[in-house]
C-alpha atoms as a PDB file:
ATOM      1  CA  MET A   1     -36.153 -58.295 -34.676  1.00  0.00           C
ATOM      2  CA  GLU A   2     -33.452 -57.709 -36.533  1.00  0.00           C
ATOM      3  CA  GLY A   3     -33.488 -54.198 -35.291  1.00  0.00           C
ATOM      4  CA  MET A   4     -32.954 -55.444 -31.716  1.00  0.00           C
ATOM      5  CA  GLN A   5     -29.758 -57.341 -31.766  1.00  0.00           C
ATOM      6  CA  GLY A   6     -28.422 -54.029 -33.640  1.00  0.00           C
ATOM      7  CA  LEU A   7     -29.519 -51.870 -30.716  1.00  0.00           C
ATOM      8  CA  ALA A   8     -28.093 -53.948 -28.759  1.00  0.00           C
ATOM      9  CA  VAL A   9     -24.895 -54.655 -30.276  1.00  0.00           C
ATOM     10  CA  ILE A  10     -24.734 -50.743 -30.439  1.00  0.00           C
ATOM     11  CA  VAL A  11     -25.873 -49.900 -26.929  1.00  0.00           C
ATOM     12  CA  PHE A  12     -23.973 -53.064 -25.423  1.00  0.00           C
ATOM     13  CA  PRO A  13     -20.643 -51.222 -25.098  1.00  0.00           C
ATOM     14  CA  PHE A  14     -20.868 -47.949 -23.696  1.00  0.00           C
ATOM     15  CA  LEU A  15     -23.577 -50.524 -20.892  1.00  0.00           C
ATOM     16  CA  LEU A  16     -20.303 -51.991 -20.260  1.00  0.00           C
ATOM     17  CA  LEU A  17     -17.912 -48.816 -20.231  1.00  0.00           C
ATOM     18  CA  LEU A  18     -20.426 -47.322 -17.453  1.00  0.00           C
ATOM     19  CA  PHE A  19     -20.359 -50.217 -15.517  1.00  0.00           C
ATOM     20  CA  ALA A  20     -16.492 -50.635 -14.956  1.00  0.00           C
ATOM     21  CA  LEU A  21     -16.069 -46.741 -14.572  1.00  0.00           C
ATOM     22  CA  VAL A  22     -18.557 -47.833 -11.738  1.00  0.00           C
ATOM     23  CA  MET A  23     -17.020 -50.249 -10.405  1.00  0.00           C
ATOM     24  CA  GLU A  24     -14.553 -48.341 -10.516  1.00  0.00           C
ATOM     25  CA  LYS A  25     -15.417 -45.468  -8.590  1.00  0.00           C
ATOM     26  CA  VAL A  26     -15.773 -48.179  -5.704  1.00  0.00           C
ATOM     27  CA  GLN A  27     -12.707 -49.587  -5.952  1.00  0.00           C
ATOM     28  CA  ALA A  28     -11.348 -46.341  -5.000  1.00  0.00           C
ATOM     29  CA  GLY A  29     -14.142 -45.708  -2.429  1.00  0.00           C
ATOM     30  CA  LEU A  30     -12.414 -49.356  -0.858  1.00  0.00           C
ATOM     31  CA  ASP A  31      -9.081 -49.207  -1.212  1.00  0.00           C
ATOM     32  CA  ARG A  32     -10.152 -45.730   0.710  1.00  0.00           C
ATOM     33  CA  LEU A  33     -10.827 -47.287   3.237  1.00  0.00           C
ATOM     34  CA  SER A  34      -9.027 -50.061   3.699  1.00  0.00           C
ATOM     35  CA  VAL A  35      -5.940 -50.211   6.652  1.00  0.00           C
ATOM     36  CA  GLY A  36      -2.513 -52.248   6.368  1.00  0.00           C
ATOM     37  CA  ARG A  37      -0.969 -54.865   9.038  1.00  0.00           C
ATOM     38  CA  ALA A  38       2.196 -51.490   9.357  1.00  0.00           C
ATOM     39  CA  GLN A  39      -1.235 -49.374   9.900  1.00  0.00           C
ATOM     40  CA  VAL A  40      -2.809 -51.473  12.556  1.00  0.00           C
ATOM     41  CA  ASP A  41       0.945 -52.136  14.346  1.00  0.00           C
ATOM     42  CA  GLU A  42       1.357 -48.694  14.197  1.00  0.00           C
ATOM     43  CA  PHE A  43      -2.039 -47.577  15.849  1.00  0.00           C
ATOM     44  CA  LEU A  44      -2.070 -50.425  18.775  1.00  0.00           C
ATOM     45  CA  GLU A  45       1.525 -49.264  19.741  1.00  0.00           C
ATOM     46  CA  SER A  46       0.911 -46.198  20.383  1.00  0.00           C
ATOM     47  CA  ALA A  47      -3.376 -45.762  21.758  1.00  0.00           C
ATOM     48  CA  ASP A  48      -4.100 -44.547  24.002  1.00  0.00           C
ATOM     49  CA  GLU A  49      -7.761 -44.997  25.981  1.00  0.00           C
ATOM     50  CA  THR A  50      -8.524 -41.297  23.449  1.00  0.00           C
ATOM     51  CA  ASP A  51      -7.559 -43.160  20.553  1.00  0.00           C
ATOM     52  CA  VAL A  52      -9.326 -47.199  20.554  1.00  0.00           C
ATOM     53  CA  SER A  53     -12.381 -44.507  20.985  1.00  0.00           C
ATOM     54  CA  ASN A  54     -11.797 -42.938  18.471  1.00  0.00           C
ATOM     55  CA  LEU A  55     -11.485 -46.200  16.685  1.00  0.00           C
ATOM     56  CA  ALA A  56     -14.430 -47.435  17.790  1.00  0.00           C
ATOM     57  CA  LYS A  57     -16.558 -44.074  16.621  1.00  0.00           C
ATOM     58  CA  THR A  58     -15.195 -43.758  13.489  1.00  0.00           C
ATOM     59  CA  GLY A  59     -13.537 -46.413  12.296  1.00  0.00           C
ATOM     60  CA  LEU A  60      -9.436 -47.202  12.014  1.00  0.00           C
ATOM     61  CA  PRO A  61      -8.416 -44.534   8.706  1.00  0.00           C
ATOM     62  CA  ALA A  62      -9.861 -42.499  10.419  1.00  0.00           C
ATOM     63  CA  ALA A  63      -8.488 -43.222  14.658  1.00  0.00           C
ATOM     64  CA  LEU A  64      -5.326 -43.457  12.722  1.00  0.00           C
ATOM     65  CA  ASP A  65      -5.555 -39.868  10.965  1.00  0.00           C
ATOM     66  CA  GLU A  66      -6.400 -38.400  14.413  1.00  0.00           C
ATOM     67  CA  LEU A  67      -4.103 -40.390  16.465  1.00  0.00           C
ATOM     68  CA  ARG A  68      -1.110 -38.618  13.842  1.00  0.00           C
ATOM     69  CA  SER A  69      -2.396 -35.297  13.596  1.00  0.00           C
ATOM     70  CA  ARG A  70      -1.752 -35.162  17.033  1.00  0.00           C
ATOM     71  CA  ARG A  71       1.084 -36.181  16.896  1.00  0.00           C
ATOM     72  CA  SER A  72       2.354 -34.141  14.331  1.00  0.00           C
ATOM     73  CA  GLY A  73       0.478 -31.227  16.683  1.00  0.00           C
ATOM     74  CA  ALA A  74       2.543 -31.606  20.058  1.00  0.00           C
ATOM     75  CA  ARG A  75       6.016 -32.103  18.025  1.00  0.00           C
ATOM     76  CA  GLU A  76       5.329 -29.174  16.806  1.00  0.00           C
ATOM     77  CA  ASP A  77       4.271 -27.383  20.169  1.00  0.00           C
ATOM     78  CA  GLU A  78       7.896 -29.318  21.452  1.00  0.00           C
ATOM     79  CA  ASN A  79       9.691 -27.307  18.762  1.00  0.00           C
END
């Protein structure tokens, strides 16, 4: 029984560290997917039918990226 307690004392910190690292990866993924109010306002102010379709298919972060890339492409064409 004492051997099991000793093993638990040695293994537990490593398991806790592993759990913390996994949770950090999960949090980073969630942060990447989250959007703020300013981003939603920006999208709603300038979205057209294509942007709304992209929103329905891919979600706001991807639709906002597409909108921004089209805008920057249009600006380059003007110059």
